[in-house]
Amino acid sequence: MLYYAVVFFIIAIIAAIFGFGGIAAGAAGIAKILFFVFAVLFIASLFFGRRR
């Protein structure tokens, strides 16, 4: 999932360089959402992995 967040972040950077504002904003939004989902799942896996 972190891979997809990085991919969308790179797409956002490339789109911003070429001046596609709407596409860059959309890709950056998707990357931000995927990063936070990854972070929550990572913290949850650390928390529940310790119980074993």
PDB file of N, CA and C in Angstrom:
ATOM      1  N   MET A   1       0.832  -1.187   0.000  1.00  0.00           N
ATOM      2  CA  MET A   1       0.000   0.000   0.000  1.00  0.00           C
ATOM      3  C   MET A   1       0.879   1.253   0.000  1.00  0.00           C
ATOM      4  N   LEU A   2       1.988   1.178   0.693  1.00  0.00           N
ATOM      5  CA  LEU A   2       2.906   2.315   0.687  1.00  0.00           C
ATOM      6  C   LEU A   2       3.454   2.535  -0.725  1.00  0.00           C
ATOM      7  N   TYR A   3       3.612   1.460  -1.475  1.00  0.00           N
ATOM      8  CA  TYR A   3       4.070   1.556  -2.856  1.00  0.00           C
ATOM      9  C   TYR A   3       3.106   2.401  -3.690  1.00  0.00           C
ATOM     10  N   TYR A   4       1.797   2.156  -3.536  1.00  0.00           N
ATOM     11  CA  TYR A   4       0.807   2.914  -4.291  1.00  0.00           C
ATOM     12  C   TYR A   4       0.781   4.384  -3.871  1.00  0.00           C
ATOM     13  N   ALA A   5       1.002   4.653  -2.602  1.00  0.00           N
ATOM     14  CA  ALA A   5       1.061   6.037  -2.145  1.00  0.00           C
ATOM     15  C   ALA A   5       2.240   6.757  -2.787  1.00  0.00           C
ATOM     16  N   VAL A   6       3.377   6.085  -2.881  1.00  0.00           N
ATOM     17  CA  VAL A   6       4.546   6.686  -3.520  1.00  0.00           C
ATOM     18  C   VAL A   6       4.308   6.883  -5.015  1.00  0.00           C
ATOM     19  N   VAL A   7       3.666   5.926  -5.657  1.00  0.00           N
ATOM     20  CA  VAL A   7       3.370   6.048  -7.087  1.00  0.00           C
ATOM     21  C   VAL A   7       2.462   7.244  -7.346  1.00  0.00           C
ATOM     22  N   PHE A   8       1.400   7.399  -6.570  1.00  0.00           N
ATOM     23  CA  PHE A   8       0.511   8.533  -6.770  1.00  0.00           C
ATOM     24  C   PHE A   8       1.212   9.846  -6.441  1.00  0.00           C
ATOM     25  N   PHE A   9       2.123   9.842  -5.472  1.00  0.00           N
ATOM     26  CA  PHE A   9       2.884  11.043  -5.154  1.00  0.00           C
ATOM     27  C   PHE A   9       3.775  11.437  -6.333  1.00  0.00           C
ATOM     28  N   ILE A  10       4.414  10.474  -6.963  1.00  0.00           N
ATOM     29  CA  ILE A  10       5.258  10.756  -8.122  1.00  0.00           C
ATOM     30  C   ILE A  10       4.417  11.248  -9.291  1.00  0.00           C
ATOM     31  N   ILE A  11       3.254  10.659  -9.493  1.00  0.00           N
ATOM     32  CA  ILE A  11       2.341  11.132 -10.535  1.00  0.00           C
ATOM     33  C   ILE A  11       1.928  12.570 -10.264  1.00  0.00           C
ATOM     34  N   ALA A  12       1.685  12.898  -9.004  1.00  0.00           N
ATOM     35  CA  ALA A  12       1.304  14.261  -8.649  1.00  0.00           C
ATOM     36  C   ALA A  12       2.431  15.237  -8.937  1.00  0.00           C
ATOM     37  N   ILE A  13       3.659  14.843  -8.638  1.00  0.00           N
ATOM     38  CA  ILE A  13       4.806  15.716  -8.901  1.00  0.00           C
ATOM     39  C   ILE A  13       4.989  15.933 -10.400  1.00  0.00           C
ATOM     40  N   ILE A  14       4.896  14.882 -11.174  1.00  0.00           N
ATOM     41  CA  ILE A  14       5.059  14.999 -12.628  1.00  0.00           C
ATOM     42  C   ILE A  14       3.941  15.849 -13.222  1.00  0.00           C
ATOM     43  N   ALA A  15       2.723  15.634 -12.764  1.00  0.00           N
ATOM     44  CA  ALA A  15       1.598  16.430 -13.273  1.00  0.00           C
ATOM     45  C   ALA A  15       1.745  17.902 -12.883  1.00  0.00           C
ATOM     46  N   ALA A  16       2.270  18.163 -11.706  1.00  0.00           N
ATOM     47  CA  ALA A  16       2.470  19.553 -11.284  1.00  0.00           C
ATOM     48  C   ALA A  16       3.553  20.224 -12.124  1.00  0.00           C
ATOM     49  N   ILE A  17       4.584  19.486 -12.478  1.00  0.00           N
ATOM     50  CA  ILE A  17       5.653  20.043 -13.308  1.00  0.00           C
ATOM     51  C   ILE A  17       5.115  20.442 -14.673  1.00  0.00           C
ATOM     52  N   PHE A  18       4.248  19.611 -15.244  1.00  0.00           N
ATOM     53  CA  PHE A  18       3.705  19.906 -16.566  1.00  0.00           C
ATOM     54  C   PHE A  18       2.498  20.833 -16.526  1.00  0.00           C
ATOM     55  N   GLY A  19       2.060  21.214 -15.340  1.00  0.00           N
ATOM     56  CA  GLY A  19       1.000  22.212 -15.223  1.00  0.00           C
ATOM     57  C   GLY A  19      -0.417  21.677 -15.191  1.00  0.00           C
ATOM     58  N   PHE A  20      -0.586  20.406 -14.974  1.00  0.00           N
ATOM     59  CA  PHE A  20      -1.929  19.835 -14.861  1.00  0.00           C
ATOM     60  C   PHE A  20      -2.380  19.933 -13.413  1.00  0.00           C
ATOM     61  N   GLY A  21      -2.967  21.056 -13.041  1.00  0.00           N
ATOM     62  CA  GLY A  21      -3.305  21.324 -11.649  1.00  0.00           C
ATOM     63  C   GLY A  21      -4.324  20.367 -11.064  1.00  0.00           C
ATOM     64  N   GLY A  22      -5.379  20.083 -11.813  1.00  0.00           N
ATOM     65  CA  GLY A  22      -6.433  19.205 -11.307  1.00  0.00           C
ATOM     66  C   GLY A  22      -5.956  17.778 -11.107  1.00  0.00           C
ATOM     67  N   ILE A  23      -5.180  17.291 -12.057  1.00  0.00           N
ATOM     68  CA  ILE A  23      -4.656  15.932 -11.951  1.00  0.00           C
ATOM     69  C   ILE A  23      -3.660  15.834 -10.801  1.00  0.00           C
ATOM     70  N   ALA A  24      -2.828  16.865 -10.666  1.00  0.00           N
ATOM     71  CA  ALA A  24      -1.840  16.859  -9.586  1.00  0.00           C
ATOM     72  C   ALA A  24      -2.525  16.881  -8.224  1.00  0.00           C
ATOM     73  N   ALA A  25      -3.567  17.689  -8.084  1.00  0.00           N
ATOM     74  CA  ALA A  25      -4.284  17.760  -6.810  1.00  0.00           C
ATOM     75  C   ALA A  25      -4.977  16.431  -6.500  1.00  0.00           C
ATOM     76  N   GLY A  26      -5.555  15.810  -7.510  1.00  0.00           N
ATOM     77  CA  GLY A  26      -6.215  14.522  -7.312  1.00  0.00           C
ATOM     78  C   GLY A  26      -5.245  13.430  -6.925  1.00  0.00           C
ATOM     79  N   ALA A  27      -4.115  13.372  -7.624  1.00  0.00           N
ATOM     80  CA  ALA A  27      -3.115  12.343  -7.313  1.00  0.00           C
ATOM     81  C   ALA A  27      -2.510  12.578  -5.937  1.00  0.00           C
ATOM     82  N   ALA A  28      -2.290  13.833  -5.582  1.00  0.00           N
ATOM     83  CA  ALA A  28      -1.736  14.124  -4.254  1.00  0.00           C
ATOM     84  C   ALA A  28      -2.738  13.749  -3.169  1.00  0.00           C
ATOM     85  N   GLY A  29      -4.017  13.987  -3.409  1.00  0.00           N
ATOM     86  CA  GLY A  29      -5.047  13.602  -2.444  1.00  0.00           C
ATOM     87  C   GLY A  29      -5.114  12.098  -2.247  1.00  0.00           C
ATOM     88  N   ILE A  30      -5.036  11.368  -3.351  1.00  0.00           N
ATOM     89  CA  ILE A  30      -5.057   9.901  -3.265  1.00  0.00           C
ATOM     90  C   ILE A  30      -3.817   9.403  -2.528  1.00  0.00           C
ATOM     91  N   ALA A  31      -2.655   9.986  -2.827  1.00  0.00           N
ATOM     92  CA  ALA A  31      -1.420   9.577  -2.152  1.00  0.00           C
ATOM     93  C   ALA A  31      -1.504   9.847  -0.658  1.00  0.00           C
ATOM     94  N   LYS A  32      -2.087  10.975  -0.285  1.00  0.00           N
ATOM     95  CA  LYS A  32      -2.205  11.312   1.137  1.00  0.00           C
ATOM     96  C   LYS A  32      -3.132  10.336   1.847  1.00  0.00           C
ATOM     97  N   ILE A  33      -4.248   9.998   1.230  1.00  0.00           N
ATOM     98  CA  ILE A  33      -5.194   9.048   1.836  1.00  0.00           C
ATOM     99  C   ILE A  33      -4.547   7.673   1.987  1.00  0.00           C
ATOM    100  N   LEU A  34      -3.871   7.204   0.928  1.00  0.00           N
ATOM    101  CA  LEU A  34      -3.229   5.893   0.995  1.00  0.00           C
ATOM    102  C   LEU A  34      -2.124   5.857   2.045  1.00  0.00           C
ATOM    103  N   PHE A  35      -1.389   6.966   2.194  1.00  0.00           N
ATOM    104  CA  PHE A  35      -0.336   6.996   3.201  1.00  0.00           C
ATOM    105  C   PHE A  35      -0.931   6.895   4.606  1.00  0.00           C
ATOM    106  N   PHE A  36      -2.012   7.626   4.879  1.00  0.00           N
ATOM    107  CA  PHE A  36      -2.611   7.569   6.206  1.00  0.00           C
ATOM    108  C   PHE A  36      -3.247   6.204   6.488  1.00  0.00           C
ATOM    109  N   VAL A  37      -3.833   5.585   5.473  1.00  0.00           N
ATOM    110  CA  VAL A  37      -4.376   4.235   5.653  1.00  0.00           C
ATOM    111  C   VAL A  37      -3.232   3.270   5.962  1.00  0.00           C
ATOM    112  N   PHE A  38      -2.111   3.399   5.229  1.00  0.00           N
ATOM    113  CA  PHE A  38      -0.954   2.559   5.495  1.00  0.00           C
ATOM    114  C   PHE A  38      -0.444   2.769   6.917  1.00  0.00           C
ATOM    115  N   ALA A  39      -0.356   4.024   7.340  1.00  0.00           N
ATOM    116  CA  ALA A  39       0.156   4.313   8.685  1.00  0.00           C
ATOM    117  C   ALA A  39      -0.744   3.710   9.759  1.00  0.00           C
ATOM    118  N   VAL A  40      -2.053   3.816   9.595  1.00  0.00           N
ATOM    119  CA  VAL A  40      -2.987   3.256  10.575  1.00  0.00           C
ATOM    120  C   VAL A  40      -2.870   1.737  10.608  1.00  0.00           C
ATOM    121  N   LEU A  41      -2.811   1.114   9.441  1.00  0.00           N
ATOM    122  CA  LEU A  41      -2.683  -0.343   9.405  1.00  0.00           C
ATOM    123  C   LEU A  41      -1.343  -0.798   9.984  1.00  0.00           C
ATOM    124  N   PHE A  42      -0.281  -0.044   9.751  1.00  0.00           N
ATOM    125  CA  PHE A  42       1.021  -0.383  10.306  1.00  0.00           C
ATOM    126  C   PHE A  42       1.004  -0.310  11.825  1.00  0.00           C
ATOM    127  N   ILE A  43       0.438   0.748  12.370  1.00  0.00           N
ATOM    128  CA  ILE A  43       0.352   0.890  13.828  1.00  0.00           C
ATOM    129  C   ILE A  43      -0.532  -0.196  14.427  1.00  0.00           C
ATOM    130  N   ALA A  44      -1.638  -0.508  13.754  1.00  0.00           N
ATOM    131  CA  ALA A  44      -2.520  -1.566  14.250  1.00  0.00           C
ATOM    132  C   ALA A  44      -1.810  -2.918  14.227  1.00  0.00           C
ATOM    133  N   SER A  45      -1.024  -3.179  13.171  1.00  0.00           N
ATOM    134  CA  SER A  45      -0.318  -4.456  13.122  1.00  0.00           C
ATOM    135  C   SER A  45       0.772  -4.537  14.191  1.00  0.00           C
ATOM    136  N   LEU A  46       1.405  -3.418  14.496  1.00  0.00           N
ATOM    137  CA  LEU A  46       2.376  -3.425  15.588  1.00  0.00           C
ATOM    138  C   LEU A  46       1.693  -3.695  16.925  1.00  0.00           C
ATOM    139  N   PHE A  47       0.566  -3.064  17.130  1.00  0.00           N
ATOM    140  CA  PHE A  47      -0.154  -3.214  18.392  1.00  0.00           C
ATOM    141  C   PHE A  47      -0.687  -4.626  18.566  1.00  0.00           C
ATOM    142  N   PHE A  48      -1.335  -5.160  17.543  1.00  0.00           N
ATOM    143  CA  PHE A  48      -1.926  -6.491  17.668  1.00  0.00           C
ATOM    144  C   PHE A  48      -0.892  -7.597  17.498  1.00  0.00           C
ATOM    145  N   GLY A  49       0.244  -7.300  16.891  1.00  0.00           N
ATOM    146  CA  GLY A  49       1.305  -8.303  16.758  1.00  0.00           C
ATOM    147  C   GLY A  49       2.009  -8.577  18.071  1.00  0.00           C
ATOM    148  N   ARG A  50       1.990  -7.621  18.977  1.00  0.00           N
ATOM    149  CA  ARG A  50       2.648  -7.798  20.267  1.00  0.00           C
ATOM    150  C   ARG A  50       1.849  -8.687  21.199  1.00  0.00           C
ATOM    151  N   ARG A  51       0.600  -8.846  20.942  1.00  0.00           N
ATOM    152  CA  ARG A  51      -0.256  -9.636  21.852  1.00  0.00           C
ATOM    153  C   ARG A  51       0.079 -11.111  21.786  1.00  0.00           C
ATOM    154  N   ARG A  52       0.691 -11.569  20.727  1.00  0.00           N
ATOM    155  CA  ARG A  52       0.977 -12.996  20.583  1.00  0.00           C
ATOM    156  C   ARG A  52       2.111 -13.429  21.449  1.00  0.00           C
TER     157      ARG A  52
END
